[in-house]
Amino acid sequence: MDAIRFGTDGWRGVIAEDFTEANVRRVATAIARYVIRCEQAERGVLVGYDTRFGSERFARVAAEAVAATGTPVWLATAACPSPAISLLVRLRGAAGGIMITASHNPYQWNGVKFKASYGSSALPSIVAEIETELNAVLRGASPRLPPRRDLIHSLDVHTPYLETLDRLVDWERLRQARFRFLVDPMHGAARGLLRTLMQRHGVVCDEIRGTRDPRFGGSHPEPIEPHTAPLQQAVRDGGYDAGLCADGDGDRIGAVDHDGTFITPHQIFAILLWHLAGTRKLTGDVAKTFSATKLVDKIAQQLGRRVYEVPIGFKYICELMLERDILLGGEESGGIGTKLHLPERDATLSALMLAEVMAWHGKRLGELVRLLHREHGEHHYGRVDLALKPGQKEKAVAYFADDTLTRFLDWPVTKRENLDGIKIYLDEIGWVMLRASGTEPVLRIYAETHRPEITRRLLEEVAARVRTL
């Protein structure tokens, strides 16, 4: 069990160390046992995979393990984004979906996500039940069964996924705006999708890093700086109006302005909320994770929308979207979902919506950010990830959680919150937060203040303090 631990979104491991065919088979068997126990097996399970090393093979192993229990399986015919599997689960009324992916993690990693019948990440209660079944599998309660390849069917994921997204966009408005876009799927599972949709409707859209590369070009498939550097350079060199980026499994968005300036996921979240709730006046409240920008709170307050703050992980946002009228849910990492689509983050849809906002208002992304800053004050965000020695992460969180720390650098500590990790507020300038990652062996340090130089200083000083503990 030590080699198989479910984190923020499924199970991830290092390929050939703990992420092996044997362990994938165990996890898939546990998922099948959960589906059978819920009396949903006849509805079948969908299996998809990303562009990582061995993902097709791991997907086949997972499909065979599920089918061996007598549960029908539909296996994707090509690499696809995680939200596409979520959508197909819901459209087909399947019991659930297995996605072989490690999302934004480095290339050495792979993983398993489970998408529940409602078309999104498994809720914590579902994960707990799957973990119970996994414990039984590891104890030998479920011996390896003979294969049932007759129960494995092929599945075209891309066609219905693109058809669904196509219906959610105001293509006439986007076409008339005559903006030029550059797309960067970072060698991941979203490759070709945005370009196909935009070119189909006469919108200029080119693509970089659209080939399959299991090493992701030597970078991390995470749509934040510095991994977006090739897109930033290409946007400047090509004179594009915007660059749109997706992570390895196509559920997290990143963006770049015409001059190469990185548009943070927080700014994207804020722009979409401002447009959907303000300009389009769509109903619904807002859900955001603990590490997301306070700019969203200010926009929501102005528009009379309630903000629900949840721990890190889109599964918590999904839970709210299933229970309440949530217009938009978002997290610091670029995962954004809307009730117009699914209770699920989707980079391709978020990119299309962002392009539509540009077309609707006739403004580039940087202009939209400046508009929000003029109206609600400047919000400058940053994040640093630290690989630390064993025990250092816990010491760091404890240090900043200690009430005896009443001042940091030039500012008094005015408030603490510990919903997930520890967040301290410094006078009126903003906040800094520390949290151990749920998907990687790192400590994440976040900060948001009213000046970019103060944000940078805070991150540097907190990181320096942490290394001394």
Protein backbone atom coordinates (compact mmCIF):
# COMPACT_ATOMS: atom_id res chain seq x y z
CA MET A 1 0.00 0.00 0.00
CA ASP A 2 2.97 2.33 0.59
CA ALA A 3 3.61 2.31 -3.16
CA ILE A 4 -0.01 3.20 -3.98
CA ARG A 5 -1.25 6.36 -2.33
CA PHE A 6 -4.14 8.47 -3.57
CA GLY A 7 -3.33 12.19 -3.51
CA THR A 8 -5.10 15.37 -4.56
CA ASP A 9 -6.32 13.79 -7.81
CA GLY A 10 -5.86 10.03 -8.03
CA TRP A 11 -2.69 7.96 -7.67
CA ARG A 12 0.66 8.91 -9.21
CA GLY A 13 4.03 7.24 -9.14
CA VAL A 14 7.42 7.10 -10.82
CA ILE A 15 7.36 4.86 -13.89
CA ALA A 16 9.03 1.46 -13.33
CA GLU A 17 9.54 2.18 -9.63
CA ASP A 18 6.08 2.20 -8.06
CA PHE A 19 4.08 2.92 -11.21
CA THR A 20 4.19 -0.57 -12.73
CA GLU A 21 1.82 -2.77 -14.70
CA ALA A 22 1.21 -4.86 -11.59
CA ASN A 23 0.20 -1.83 -9.53
CA VAL A 24 -1.96 -0.41 -12.33
CA ARG A 25 -3.72 -3.77 -12.47
CA ARG A 26 -4.32 -3.64 -8.70
CA VAL A 27 -5.76 -0.12 -8.81
CA ALA A 28 -7.97 -0.91 -11.81
CA THR A 29 -9.23 -4.05 -10.09
CA ALA A 30 -10.09 -2.00 -7.00
CA ILE A 31 -12.03 0.46 -9.18
CA ALA A 32 -13.89 -2.43 -10.83
CA ARG A 33 -14.77 -3.89 -7.41
CA TYR A 34 -16.13 -0.48 -6.35
CA VAL A 35 -18.25 -0.25 -9.52
CA ILE A 36 -19.59 -3.77 -9.02
CA ARG A 37 -20.39 -3.13 -5.37
CA CYS A 38 -22.36 -0.04 -6.42
CA GLU A 39 -24.30 -2.27 -8.85
CA GLN A 40 -23.22 -0.18 -11.84
CA ALA A 41 -21.03 -2.69 -13.66
CA GLU A 42 -23.46 -3.21 -16.54
CA ARG A 43 -23.02 0.48 -17.47
CA GLY A 44 -19.36 -0.14 -18.21
CA VAL A 45 -16.11 1.74 -17.62
CA LEU A 46 -14.27 3.99 -20.09
CA VAL A 47 -10.47 4.02 -20.21
CA GLY A 48 -8.37 6.84 -21.68
CA TYR A 49 -4.71 7.80 -21.63
CA ASP A 50 -2.34 10.69 -22.28
CA THR A 51 0.91 10.96 -24.26
CA ARG A 52 3.30 9.84 -21.53
CA PHE A 53 5.72 6.95 -21.87
CA GLY A 54 3.84 3.66 -21.83
CA SER A 55 0.41 5.21 -21.32
CA GLU A 56 -1.21 3.10 -24.07
CA ARG A 57 0.16 -0.07 -22.51
CA PHE A 58 -0.89 0.92 -19.00
CA ALA A 59 -4.37 1.76 -20.33
CA ARG A 60 -4.63 -1.68 -21.93
CA VAL A 61 -3.58 -3.29 -18.63
CA ALA A 62 -6.25 -1.30 -16.77
CA ALA A 63 -8.89 -2.22 -19.36
CA GLU A 64 -8.01 -5.92 -19.11
CA ALA A 65 -8.15 -5.85 -15.32
CA VAL A 66 -11.62 -4.26 -15.33
CA ALA A 67 -12.92 -6.57 -18.06
CA ALA A 68 -11.66 -9.62 -16.16
CA THR A 69 -14.26 -8.86 -13.47
CA GLY A 70 -17.03 -9.15 -16.08
CA THR A 71 -17.41 -5.38 -16.47
CA PRO A 72 -17.62 -4.03 -20.05
CA VAL A 73 -14.85 -1.62 -21.02
CA TRP A 74 -14.51 0.97 -23.76
CA LEU A 75 -10.84 1.78 -24.46
CA ALA A 76 -9.85 5.02 -26.22
CA THR A 77 -8.35 4.56 -29.68
CA ALA A 78 -5.91 7.47 -29.20
CA ALA A 79 -4.46 9.70 -26.49
CA CYS A 80 -7.07 12.15 -25.21
CA PRO A 81 -7.56 14.82 -22.53
CA SER A 82 -8.89 13.87 -19.11
CA PRO A 83 -11.98 16.12 -19.47
CA ALA A 84 -12.88 14.29 -22.69
CA ILE A 85 -13.14 11.04 -20.73
CA SER A 86 -15.22 12.86 -18.11
CA LEU A 87 -17.57 14.10 -20.81
CA LEU A 88 -17.95 10.70 -22.46
CA VAL A 89 -18.65 9.06 -19.08
CA ARG A 90 -21.57 11.41 -18.62
CA LEU A 91 -22.83 11.33 -22.21
CA ARG A 92 -22.80 7.52 -22.33
CA GLY A 93 -24.12 7.00 -18.80
CA ALA A 94 -21.06 4.93 -17.90
CA ALA A 95 -20.26 3.82 -14.37
CA GLY A 96 -17.00 5.77 -14.49
CA GLY A 97 -13.79 6.40 -16.33
CA ILE A 98 -10.15 5.54 -15.77
CA MET A 99 -7.60 8.00 -17.11
CA ILE A 100 -3.93 7.02 -17.32
CA THR A 101 -2.08 10.27 -16.72
CA ALA A 102 0.14 12.11 -14.27
CA SER A 103 -1.31 15.44 -15.41
CA HIS A 104 1.33 18.18 -15.03
CA ASN A 105 3.96 16.06 -13.24
CA PRO A 106 7.45 15.60 -14.75
CA TYR A 107 7.88 13.00 -17.49
CA GLN A 108 9.17 10.29 -15.11
CA TRP A 109 5.72 10.06 -13.56
CA ASN A 110 2.45 8.47 -14.58
CA GLY A 111 -0.80 7.94 -12.75
CA VAL A 112 -4.43 6.86 -12.58
CA LYS A 113 -7.39 9.20 -12.23
CA PHE A 114 -10.93 7.94 -11.70
CA LYS A 115 -13.77 9.94 -13.23
CA ALA A 116 -17.11 9.28 -11.57
CA SER A 117 -20.47 8.83 -13.30
CA TYR A 118 -21.36 12.54 -13.04
CA GLY A 119 -18.35 13.39 -15.26
CA SER A 120 -15.60 14.70 -13.01
CA SER A 121 -13.02 13.83 -10.38
CA ALA A 122 -14.05 11.27 -7.80
CA LEU A 123 -15.36 12.84 -4.61
CA PRO A 124 -13.40 12.14 -1.40
CA SER A 125 -16.11 9.69 -0.32
CA ILE A 126 -15.69 7.70 -3.55
CA VAL A 127 -11.90 7.73 -3.25
CA ALA A 128 -12.24 6.34 0.29
CA GLU A 129 -14.37 3.45 -1.01
CA ILE A 130 -11.88 2.68 -3.79
CA GLU A 131 -9.07 2.70 -1.22
CA THR A 132 -11.03 0.20 0.85
CA GLU A 133 -11.32 -2.08 -2.18
CA LEU A 134 -7.61 -1.57 -2.92
CA ASN A 135 -6.70 -2.73 0.57
CA ALA A 136 -8.73 -5.87 -0.04
CA VAL A 137 -6.95 -6.45 -3.38
CA LEU A 138 -3.55 -6.02 -1.74
CA ARG A 139 -4.52 -8.54 0.93
CA GLY A 140 -5.20 -11.08 -1.80
CA ALA A 141 -8.98 -10.95 -1.57
CA SER A 142 -9.23 -10.64 -5.35
CA PRO A 143 -6.95 -13.11 -7.17
CA ARG A 144 -5.95 -12.33 -10.73
CA LEU A 145 -8.76 -13.42 -13.05
CA PRO A 146 -8.48 -14.79 -16.60
CA PRO A 147 -8.71 -12.15 -19.34
CA ARG A 148 -12.04 -11.25 -20.95
CA ARG A 149 -10.92 -9.40 -24.08
CA ASP A 150 -14.37 -9.91 -25.59
CA LEU A 151 -15.60 -7.24 -23.13
CA ILE A 152 -13.12 -4.60 -24.35
CA HIS A 153 -14.44 -2.29 -27.08
CA SER A 154 -12.83 0.63 -28.91
CA LEU A 155 -13.90 4.21 -28.19
CA ASP A 156 -13.62 7.33 -30.36
CA VAL A 157 -13.21 10.07 -27.77
CA HIS A 158 -12.25 13.07 -29.92
CA THR A 159 -15.30 13.31 -32.20
CA PRO A 160 -18.04 13.70 -29.54
CA TYR A 161 -15.74 15.84 -27.38
CA LEU A 162 -15.06 18.34 -30.17
CA GLU A 163 -18.72 18.35 -31.20
CA THR A 164 -19.72 19.27 -27.64
CA LEU A 165 -17.18 22.09 -27.33
CA ASP A 166 -18.13 23.41 -30.76
CA ARG A 167 -21.65 24.13 -29.54
CA LEU A 168 -20.45 26.21 -26.56
CA VAL A 169 -18.67 28.97 -28.50
CA ASP A 170 -19.94 32.13 -30.25
CA TRP A 171 -17.96 31.45 -33.42
CA GLU A 172 -19.39 34.37 -35.37
CA ARG A 173 -18.23 36.87 -32.76
CA LEU A 174 -14.84 35.19 -32.53
CA ARG A 175 -14.38 35.10 -36.30
CA GLN A 176 -15.30 38.77 -36.73
CA ALA A 177 -12.78 39.87 -34.08
CA ARG A 178 -9.96 38.69 -36.38
CA PHE A 179 -7.61 37.84 -33.51
CA ARG A 180 -4.70 35.50 -34.22
CA PHE A 181 -3.99 32.72 -31.71
CA LEU A 182 -1.06 30.42 -31.02
CA VAL A 183 -1.70 27.19 -29.14
CA ASP A 184 0.80 25.19 -27.07
CA PRO A 185 -0.39 21.76 -25.86
CA MET A 186 3.12 21.13 -24.41
CA HIS A 187 3.36 17.77 -26.29
CA GLY A 188 0.40 16.58 -24.25
CA ALA A 189 -3.04 15.08 -24.81
CA ALA A 190 -4.73 18.34 -25.90
CA ARG A 191 -2.62 18.56 -29.06
CA GLY A 192 -4.49 19.50 -32.20
CA LEU A 193 -7.82 20.19 -30.51
CA LEU A 194 -7.95 23.98 -30.30
CA ARG A 195 -6.32 24.36 -33.68
CA THR A 196 -8.86 22.00 -35.26
CA LEU A 197 -11.85 23.83 -33.78
CA MET A 198 -10.62 27.33 -34.55
CA GLN A 199 -9.46 26.61 -38.07
CA ARG A 200 -12.77 24.85 -38.77
CA HIS A 201 -14.50 28.18 -38.11
CA GLY A 202 -12.08 30.44 -39.94
CA VAL A 203 -10.20 31.70 -36.86
CA VAL A 204 -6.42 31.99 -37.33
CA CYS A 205 -4.78 29.48 -35.00
CA ASP A 206 -1.36 27.85 -35.19
CA GLU A 207 0.25 25.32 -32.87
CA ILE A 208 3.67 24.66 -31.37
CA ARG A 209 4.85 21.62 -29.40
CA GLY A 210 2.02 19.59 -30.91
CA THR A 211 3.98 16.39 -31.54
CA ARG A 212 4.04 13.51 -29.12
CA ASP A 213 7.12 13.62 -26.89
CA PRO A 214 7.03 11.51 -23.70
CA ARG A 215 9.78 13.75 -22.28
CA PHE A 216 7.72 16.89 -23.00
CA GLY A 217 10.63 18.58 -24.73
CA GLY A 218 12.70 18.45 -21.55
CA SER A 219 10.23 20.66 -19.66
CA HIS A 220 7.36 20.01 -17.27
CA PRO A 221 3.94 19.87 -18.96
CA GLU A 222 2.60 22.50 -16.56
CA PRO A 223 1.23 25.73 -18.08
CA ILE A 224 3.04 28.16 -15.76
CA GLU A 225 6.36 29.97 -15.97
CA PRO A 226 9.10 29.01 -16.74
CA HIS A 227 7.60 26.10 -18.71
CA THR A 228 5.67 28.50 -20.95
CA ALA A 229 8.85 30.20 -22.23
CA PRO A 230 8.66 28.66 -25.75
CA LEU A 231 5.07 29.89 -26.14
CA GLN A 232 5.95 33.36 -24.87
CA GLN A 233 8.79 33.66 -27.37
CA ALA A 234 6.75 32.27 -30.26
CA VAL A 235 3.85 34.66 -29.59
CA ARG A 236 6.20 37.64 -29.70
CA ASP A 237 8.05 36.43 -32.78
CA GLY A 238 4.88 35.58 -34.69
CA GLY A 239 2.89 38.70 -33.83
CA TYR A 240 0.00 36.71 -32.35
CA ASP A 241 -2.68 38.37 -30.23
CA ALA A 242 -2.59 35.63 -27.58
CA GLY A 243 -1.07 32.29 -26.72
CA LEU A 244 -3.16 29.51 -25.14
CA CYS A 245 -1.59 26.59 -23.31
CA ALA A 246 -2.68 23.27 -21.75
CA ASP A 247 -1.01 20.86 -19.35
CA GLY A 248 -0.14 17.24 -20.06
CA ASP A 249 -3.67 15.85 -19.82
CA GLY A 250 -5.51 18.93 -21.02
CA ASP A 251 -7.39 20.02 -17.92
CA ARG A 252 -5.32 23.06 -16.84
CA ILE A 253 -5.04 26.27 -18.85
CA GLY A 254 -2.25 28.82 -19.23
CA ALA A 255 -2.17 31.97 -21.37
CA VAL A 256 0.20 34.57 -22.83
CA ASP A 257 -0.49 38.15 -23.95
CA HIS A 258 0.59 39.49 -27.34
CA ASP A 259 3.88 40.84 -25.94
CA GLY A 260 4.80 37.54 -24.30
CA THR A 261 3.60 38.49 -20.82
CA PHE A 262 2.39 35.46 -18.90
CA ILE A 263 -1.25 35.68 -17.86
CA THR A 264 -1.58 33.77 -14.61
CA PRO A 265 -4.33 31.20 -13.98
CA HIS A 266 -5.68 33.58 -11.31
CA GLN A 267 -6.07 36.33 -13.89
CA ILE A 268 -7.77 33.92 -16.29
CA PHE A 269 -10.17 32.85 -13.54
CA ALA A 270 -10.92 36.50 -12.71
CA ILE A 271 -11.45 37.47 -16.37
CA LEU A 272 -13.87 34.60 -16.95
CA LEU A 273 -15.84 35.40 -13.78
CA TRP A 274 -16.00 39.09 -14.66
CA HIS A 275 -17.33 38.23 -18.12
CA LEU A 276 -19.72 35.38 -17.35
CA ALA A 277 -21.25 36.88 -14.20
CA GLY A 278 -20.87 40.54 -15.15
CA THR A 279 -21.16 40.96 -18.91
CA ARG A 280 -23.33 37.91 -19.63
CA LYS A 281 -25.11 38.07 -16.26
CA LEU A 282 -25.28 34.30 -15.90
CA THR A 283 -26.56 33.09 -12.55
CA GLY A 284 -24.56 31.18 -9.96
CA ASP A 285 -21.94 31.57 -7.28
CA VAL A 286 -18.19 30.94 -7.25
CA ALA A 287 -16.00 28.17 -5.84
CA LYS A 288 -12.26 28.50 -5.46
CA THR A 289 -9.43 26.66 -3.77
CA PHE A 290 -7.58 27.98 -0.73
CA SER A 291 -4.58 29.15 -2.77
CA ALA A 292 -6.52 31.14 -5.39
CA THR A 293 -6.46 34.92 -5.81
CA LYS A 294 -8.44 37.37 -3.69
CA LEU A 295 -9.23 39.30 -6.89
CA VAL A 296 -11.97 36.75 -7.49
CA ASP A 297 -13.49 37.60 -4.09
CA LYS A 298 -13.63 41.28 -4.97
CA ILE A 299 -15.25 40.69 -8.35
CA ALA A 300 -17.77 38.30 -6.83
CA GLN A 301 -18.63 40.76 -4.06
CA GLN A 302 -19.24 43.53 -6.58
CA LEU A 303 -21.51 41.26 -8.62
CA GLY A 304 -23.38 39.93 -5.59
CA ARG A 305 -22.06 36.37 -5.84
CA ARG A 306 -21.12 34.20 -2.90
CA VAL A 307 -17.60 32.72 -2.81
CA TYR A 308 -17.04 29.22 -1.43
CA GLU A 309 -13.42 28.48 -0.48
CA VAL A 310 -12.33 24.83 -0.38
CA PRO A 311 -9.13 22.81 0.18
CA ILE A 312 -6.72 22.21 -2.72
CA GLY A 313 -8.07 19.77 -5.30
CA PHE A 314 -10.78 20.18 -7.91
CA LYS A 315 -12.73 17.31 -6.36
CA TYR A 316 -13.81 19.74 -3.62
CA ILE A 317 -15.00 22.26 -6.21
CA CYS A 318 -16.78 19.46 -8.05
CA GLU A 319 -18.58 18.51 -4.85
CA LEU A 320 -19.96 22.04 -4.55
CA MET A 321 -20.91 22.16 -8.24
CA LEU A 322 -22.96 19.00 -7.77
CA GLU A 323 -24.72 20.40 -4.68
CA ARG A 324 -25.17 24.10 -5.47
CA ASP A 325 -25.60 26.57 -8.31
CA ILE A 326 -21.93 27.28 -9.02
CA LEU A 327 -21.31 29.29 -12.18
CA LEU A 328 -17.53 29.00 -12.09
CA GLY A 329 -15.03 27.03 -10.07
CA GLY A 330 -11.27 27.45 -10.23
CA GLU A 331 -7.96 26.62 -8.65
CA GLU A 332 -4.51 28.19 -8.54
CA SER A 333 -3.06 25.66 -10.97
CA GLY A 334 -5.28 26.66 -13.90
CA GLY A 335 -8.07 24.12 -13.47
CA ILE A 336 -11.35 25.93 -14.22
CA GLY A 337 -14.83 24.50 -14.64
CA THR A 338 -18.21 26.03 -15.44
CA LYS A 339 -21.79 24.87 -15.14
CA LEU A 340 -22.12 25.55 -18.88
CA HIS A 341 -20.18 22.33 -19.49
CA LEU A 342 -19.23 19.88 -16.70
CA PRO A 343 -18.37 19.95 -13.00
CA GLU A 344 -14.85 19.43 -14.31
CA ARG A 345 -11.83 21.52 -15.30
CA ASP A 346 -11.15 21.65 -19.03
CA ALA A 347 -8.25 23.58 -20.58
CA THR A 348 -9.63 23.49 -24.13
CA LEU A 349 -13.00 24.92 -23.14
CA SER A 350 -11.36 27.50 -20.84
CA ALA A 351 -9.13 28.62 -23.73
CA LEU A 352 -12.12 28.95 -26.06
CA MET A 353 -14.03 30.94 -23.45
CA LEU A 354 -11.02 33.21 -22.92
CA ALA A 355 -10.73 33.81 -26.67
CA GLU A 356 -14.45 34.58 -26.76
CA VAL A 357 -14.05 37.16 -23.96
CA MET A 358 -11.32 38.85 -26.02
CA ALA A 359 -13.62 38.92 -29.05
CA TRP A 360 -16.64 40.09 -27.06
CA HIS A 361 -14.81 43.11 -25.60
CA GLY A 362 -12.31 43.72 -28.41
CA LYS A 363 -9.42 43.60 -25.94
CA ARG A 364 -6.27 41.55 -25.57
CA LEU A 365 -5.60 39.68 -22.34
CA GLY A 366 -3.23 42.25 -20.86
CA GLU A 367 -5.80 44.98 -21.42
CA LEU A 368 -8.42 42.90 -19.61
CA VAL A 369 -6.08 42.35 -16.65
CA ARG A 370 -5.32 46.08 -16.43
CA LEU A 371 -9.05 46.83 -16.55
CA LEU A 372 -9.66 44.56 -13.56
CA HIS A 373 -6.70 46.02 -11.66
CA ARG A 374 -7.98 49.56 -12.17
CA GLU A 375 -11.36 48.54 -10.84
CA HIS A 376 -10.36 46.25 -7.96
CA GLY A 377 -6.73 47.05 -7.15
CA GLU A 378 -3.58 45.26 -8.27
CA HIS A 379 -3.09 41.59 -7.38
CA HIS A 380 0.30 40.05 -8.17
CA TYR A 381 0.73 36.35 -7.53
CA GLY A 382 3.71 34.04 -7.43
CA ARG A 383 4.65 30.48 -6.47
CA VAL A 384 7.87 28.66 -5.61
CA ASP A 385 8.23 24.88 -5.29
CA LEU A 386 10.93 23.58 -2.95
CA ALA A 387 12.32 20.05 -2.86
CA LEU A 388 13.30 19.58 0.78
CA LYS A 389 14.84 17.02 3.10
CA PRO A 390 12.50 14.68 5.01
CA GLY A 391 10.76 16.51 7.81
CA GLN A 392 11.48 20.02 6.50
CA LYS A 393 8.02 20.49 4.99
CA GLU A 394 6.35 19.79 8.31
CA LYS A 395 8.77 22.10 10.17
CA ALA A 396 8.10 24.90 7.68
CA VAL A 397 4.33 24.70 8.04
CA ALA A 398 4.62 24.51 11.83
CA TYR A 399 6.96 27.52 11.92
CA PHE A 400 4.55 29.82 10.10
CA ALA A 401 1.54 28.40 11.94
CA ASP A 402 3.07 29.29 15.33
CA ASP A 403 1.20 32.21 16.92
CA THR A 404 4.47 33.51 18.39
CA LEU A 405 5.45 34.58 14.88
CA THR A 406 3.75 37.96 15.00
CA ARG A 407 5.81 39.72 12.34
CA PHE A 408 7.52 38.71 9.10
CA LEU A 409 9.97 41.07 7.40
CA ASP A 410 8.42 44.57 7.42
CA TRP A 411 4.85 43.60 8.20
CA PRO A 412 2.79 42.39 11.15
CA VAL A 413 0.93 39.08 10.87
CA THR A 414 -2.72 40.12 11.05
CA LYS A 415 -4.49 36.79 10.47
CA ARG A 416 -3.90 33.06 9.93
CA GLU A 417 -5.95 30.46 8.08
CA ASN A 418 -5.29 26.72 7.99
CA LEU A 419 -7.92 25.28 5.66
CA ASP A 420 -5.17 23.46 3.72
CA GLY A 421 -1.60 24.23 4.73
CA ILE A 422 -1.03 27.58 6.47
CA LYS A 423 -1.78 31.04 5.12
CA ILE A 424 -0.70 34.21 6.90
CA TYR A 425 -1.92 37.71 6.08
CA LEU A 426 0.62 40.54 6.33
CA ASP A 427 -0.92 43.89 7.26
CA GLU A 428 -2.73 45.24 4.16
CA ILE A 429 -0.23 44.10 1.54
CA GLY A 430 -1.49 40.55 0.95
CA TRP A 431 -0.76 36.99 2.03
CA VAL A 432 1.73 34.14 1.87
CA MET A 433 0.88 30.43 2.10
CA LEU A 434 2.79 27.16 2.57
CA ARG A 435 1.47 23.72 1.67
CA ALA A 436 2.95 20.29 1.00
CA SER A 437 1.97 19.16 -2.50
CA GLY A 438 -0.51 16.33 -2.77
CA THR A 439 0.95 15.11 -6.09
CA GLU A 440 4.71 15.76 -5.86
CA PRO A 441 7.38 15.53 -3.11
CA VAL A 442 7.67 19.33 -2.78
CA LEU A 443 6.63 22.21 -0.55
CA ARG A 444 4.72 24.90 -2.40
CA ILE A 445 5.04 28.52 -1.30
CA TYR A 446 2.42 30.94 -2.63
CA ALA A 447 2.15 34.70 -2.26
CA GLU A 448 -0.13 37.47 -3.47
CA THR A 449 0.42 41.18 -2.84
CA HIS A 450 -0.34 44.53 -4.43
CA ARG A 451 3.14 44.91 -5.97
CA PRO A 452 5.10 42.40 -8.07
CA GLU A 453 8.39 43.26 -6.38
CA ILE A 454 6.89 42.62 -2.93
CA THR A 455 5.52 39.26 -4.08
CA ARG A 456 8.96 38.27 -5.37
CA ARG A 457 10.62 39.39 -2.15
CA LEU A 458 8.17 37.45 0.00
CA LEU A 459 8.69 34.24 -1.96
CA GLU A 460 12.48 34.58 -1.79
CA GLU A 461 12.55 35.37 1.93
CA VAL A 462 10.09 32.62 2.90
CA ALA A 463 12.03 30.08 0.83
CA ALA A 464 15.28 31.19 2.47
CA ARG A 465 13.73 30.89 5.95
CA VAL A 466 12.35 27.42 5.17
CA ARG A 467 15.76 26.13 4.07
CA THR A 468 17.22 27.02 7.47
CA LEU A 469 14.69 24.93 9.42
